[in-house]
């Protein structure tokens, strides 16, 4: 669709929404926009955007790390702690 269905403003590039009235150009564009938003929420880039946009960046970082830790599988957590313990055992005798 080349024009906005509500206000008739010409489409600019590959935008999903009309910049004037914030209406999607088509239902397919709405679905693609939602999919893009969902993918961005689950990426590192999305997390960085949320942290930067937050008023309290320290609390936002803490929330993101908590979310990542909750979503990490148990086997991955066990491997992570095993590696930390192994490095600790190797480094402690040096001091």
C-alpha atoms as a PDB file:
ATOM      1  CA  UNK A   1       0.000   0.000   0.000  1.00  0.00           C
ATOM      2  CA  UNK A   2       1.445   3.334  -1.052  1.00  0.00           C
ATOM      3  CA  UNK A   3      -0.806   5.679   0.937  1.00  0.00           C
ATOM      4  CA  UNK A   4      -2.206   5.684   4.459  1.00  0.00           C
ATOM      5  CA  UNK A   5      -5.753   4.243   4.520  1.00  0.00           C
ATOM      6  CA  UNK A   6      -6.887   6.873   7.028  1.00  0.00           C
ATOM      7  CA  UNK A   7      -5.211  10.181   6.106  1.00  0.00           C
ATOM      8  CA  UNK A   8      -3.871   9.422   2.608  1.00  0.00           C
ATOM      9  CA  UNK A   9      -0.298  10.497   3.338  1.00  0.00           C
ATOM     10  CA  UNK A  10       2.252   8.765   1.033  1.00  0.00           C
ATOM     11  CA  UNK A  11       4.248   5.910   2.541  1.00  0.00           C
ATOM     12  CA  UNK A  12       7.855   6.724   3.436  1.00  0.00           C
ATOM     13  CA  UNK A  13      10.267   3.861   2.776  1.00  0.00           C
ATOM     14  CA  UNK A  14       9.520   0.550   4.484  1.00  0.00           C
ATOM     15  CA  UNK A  15       7.693   2.010   7.482  1.00  0.00           C
ATOM     16  CA  UNK A  16       4.879  -0.089   8.915  1.00  0.00           C
ATOM     17  CA  UNK A  17       2.905   2.836  10.372  1.00  0.00           C
ATOM     18  CA  UNK A  18       1.852   6.205   9.053  1.00  0.00           C
ATOM     19  CA  UNK A  19       3.949   8.871  10.841  1.00  0.00           C
ATOM     20  CA  UNK A  20       1.050  11.342  10.822  1.00  0.00           C
ATOM     21  CA  UNK A  21      -1.824   9.290  12.262  1.00  0.00           C
ATOM     22  CA  UNK A  22      -0.006   6.178  13.627  1.00  0.00           C
ATOM     23  CA  UNK A  23      -2.193   3.754  11.645  1.00  0.00           C
ATOM     24  CA  UNK A  24      -0.799   0.602  10.041  1.00  0.00           C
ATOM     25  CA  UNK A  25      -0.754   0.602   6.250  1.00  0.00           C
ATOM     26  CA  UNK A  26      -2.176  -2.935   6.054  1.00  0.00           C
ATOM     27  CA  UNK A  27      -2.905  -5.938   8.258  1.00  0.00           C
ATOM     28  CA  UNK A  28       0.230  -7.632   6.986  1.00  0.00           C
ATOM     29  CA  UNK A  29       2.285  -4.615   8.071  1.00  0.00           C
ATOM     30  CA  UNK A  30       0.698  -4.831  11.510  1.00  0.00           C
ATOM     31  CA  UNK A  31       1.621  -8.516  11.816  1.00  0.00           C
ATOM     32  CA  UNK A  32       5.183  -7.842  10.635  1.00  0.00           C
ATOM     33  CA  UNK A  33       5.517  -4.943  13.102  1.00  0.00           C
ATOM     34  CA  UNK A  34       4.341  -7.105  16.013  1.00  0.00           C
ATOM     35  CA  UNK A  35       6.742  -9.890  15.026  1.00  0.00           C
ATOM     36  CA  UNK A  36       9.620  -7.415  14.801  1.00  0.00           C
ATOM     37  CA  UNK A  37       8.747  -5.999  18.238  1.00  0.00           C
ATOM     38  CA  UNK A  38       8.567  -9.506  19.739  1.00  0.00           C
ATOM     39  CA  UNK A  39      11.959 -10.437  18.307  1.00  0.00           C
ATOM     40  CA  UNK A  40      13.503  -7.202  19.524  1.00  0.00           C
ATOM     41  CA  UNK A  41      12.186  -7.773  23.045  1.00  0.00           C
ATOM     42  CA  UNK A  42      14.095 -11.064  23.203  1.00  0.00           C
ATOM     43  CA  UNK A  43      17.454  -9.785  21.983  1.00  0.00           C
ATOM     44  CA  UNK A  44      20.427  -8.098  23.600  1.00  0.00           C
ATOM     45  CA  UNK A  45      19.774  -5.008  21.494  1.00  0.00           C
ATOM     46  CA  UNK A  46      16.235  -4.784  22.849  1.00  0.00           C
ATOM     47  CA  UNK A  47      17.484  -5.132  26.420  1.00  0.00           C
ATOM     48  CA  UNK A  48      20.004  -2.325  25.894  1.00  0.00           C
ATOM     49  CA  UNK A  49      17.245  -0.091  24.491  1.00  0.00           C
ATOM     50  CA  UNK A  50      15.030  -0.779  27.509  1.00  0.00           C
ATOM     51  CA  UNK A  51      17.883  -0.042  29.923  1.00  0.00           C
ATOM     52  CA  UNK A  52      18.763   3.221  28.179  1.00  0.00           C
ATOM     53  CA  UNK A  53      15.113   4.318  28.013  1.00  0.00           C
ATOM     54  CA  UNK A  54      14.492   3.669  31.717  1.00  0.00           C
ATOM     55  CA  UNK A  55      14.643   6.487  34.240  1.00  0.00           C
ATOM     56  CA  UNK A  56      16.560   4.338  36.735  1.00  0.00           C
ATOM     57  CA  UNK A  57      19.122   2.531  34.586  1.00  0.00           C
ATOM     58  CA  UNK A  58      20.632   0.590  37.502  1.00  0.00           C
ATOM     59  CA  UNK A  59      17.257  -0.896  38.419  1.00  0.00           C
ATOM     60  CA  UNK A  60      16.504  -1.626  34.748  1.00  0.00           C
ATOM     61  CA  UNK A  61      19.844  -3.448  34.408  1.00  0.00           C
ATOM     62  CA  UNK A  62      19.097  -5.445  37.548  1.00  0.00           C
ATOM     63  CA  UNK A  63      15.663  -6.368  36.177  1.00  0.00           C
ATOM     64  CA  UNK A  64      17.131  -7.470  32.840  1.00  0.00           C
ATOM     65  CA  UNK A  65      19.788  -9.622  34.532  1.00  0.00           C
ATOM     66  CA  UNK A  66      17.118 -11.164  36.768  1.00  0.00           C
ATOM     67  CA  UNK A  67      15.000 -11.959  33.725  1.00  0.00           C
ATOM     68  CA  UNK A  68      17.957 -13.524  31.919  1.00  0.00           C
ATOM     69  CA  UNK A  69      18.833 -15.638  34.961  1.00  0.00           C
ATOM     70  CA  UNK A  70      15.212 -16.831  35.333  1.00  0.00           C
ATOM     71  CA  UNK A  71      15.052 -17.831  31.672  1.00  0.00           C
ATOM     72  CA  UNK A  72      18.383 -19.682  31.750  1.00  0.00           C
ATOM     73  CA  UNK A  73      17.954 -23.471  31.810  1.00  0.00           C
ATOM     74  CA  UNK A  74      19.092 -25.360  34.929  1.00  0.00           C
ATOM     75  CA  UNK A  75      21.811 -27.305  33.097  1.00  0.00           C
ATOM     76  CA  UNK A  76      23.324 -24.051  31.832  1.00  0.00           C
ATOM     77  CA  UNK A  77      23.322 -22.638  35.366  1.00  0.00           C
ATOM     78  CA  UNK A  78      25.092 -25.769  36.656  1.00  0.00           C
ATOM     79  CA  UNK A  79      27.764 -25.496  33.932  1.00  0.00           C
ATOM     80  CA  UNK A  80      28.212 -21.794  34.676  1.00  0.00           C
ATOM     81  CA  UNK A  81      28.719 -22.375  38.404  1.00  0.00           C
ATOM     82  CA  UNK A  82      31.060 -25.307  37.735  1.00  0.00           C
ATOM     83  CA  UNK A  83      33.266 -23.129  35.523  1.00  0.00           C
ATOM     84  CA  UNK A  84      33.315 -20.384  38.168  1.00  0.00           C
ATOM     85  CA  UNK A  85      34.249 -22.915  40.877  1.00  0.00           C
ATOM     86  CA  UNK A  86      36.997 -24.385  38.682  1.00  0.00           C
ATOM     87  CA  UNK A  87      38.493 -20.948  37.971  1.00  0.00           C
ATOM     88  CA  UNK A  88      38.244 -20.079  41.667  1.00  0.00           C
ATOM     89  CA  UNK A  89      40.137 -23.265  42.627  1.00  0.00           C
ATOM     90  CA  UNK A  90      42.843 -22.450  40.086  1.00  0.00           C
ATOM     91  CA  UNK A  91      43.242 -18.820  41.137  1.00  0.00           C
ATOM     92  CA  UNK A  92      43.077 -19.118  44.971  1.00  0.00           C
ATOM     93  CA  UNK A  93      46.414 -20.950  45.412  1.00  0.00           C
ATOM     94  CA  UNK A  94      48.184 -18.131  43.544  1.00  0.00           C
ATOM     95  CA  UNK A  95      47.341 -15.601  46.272  1.00  0.00           C
END
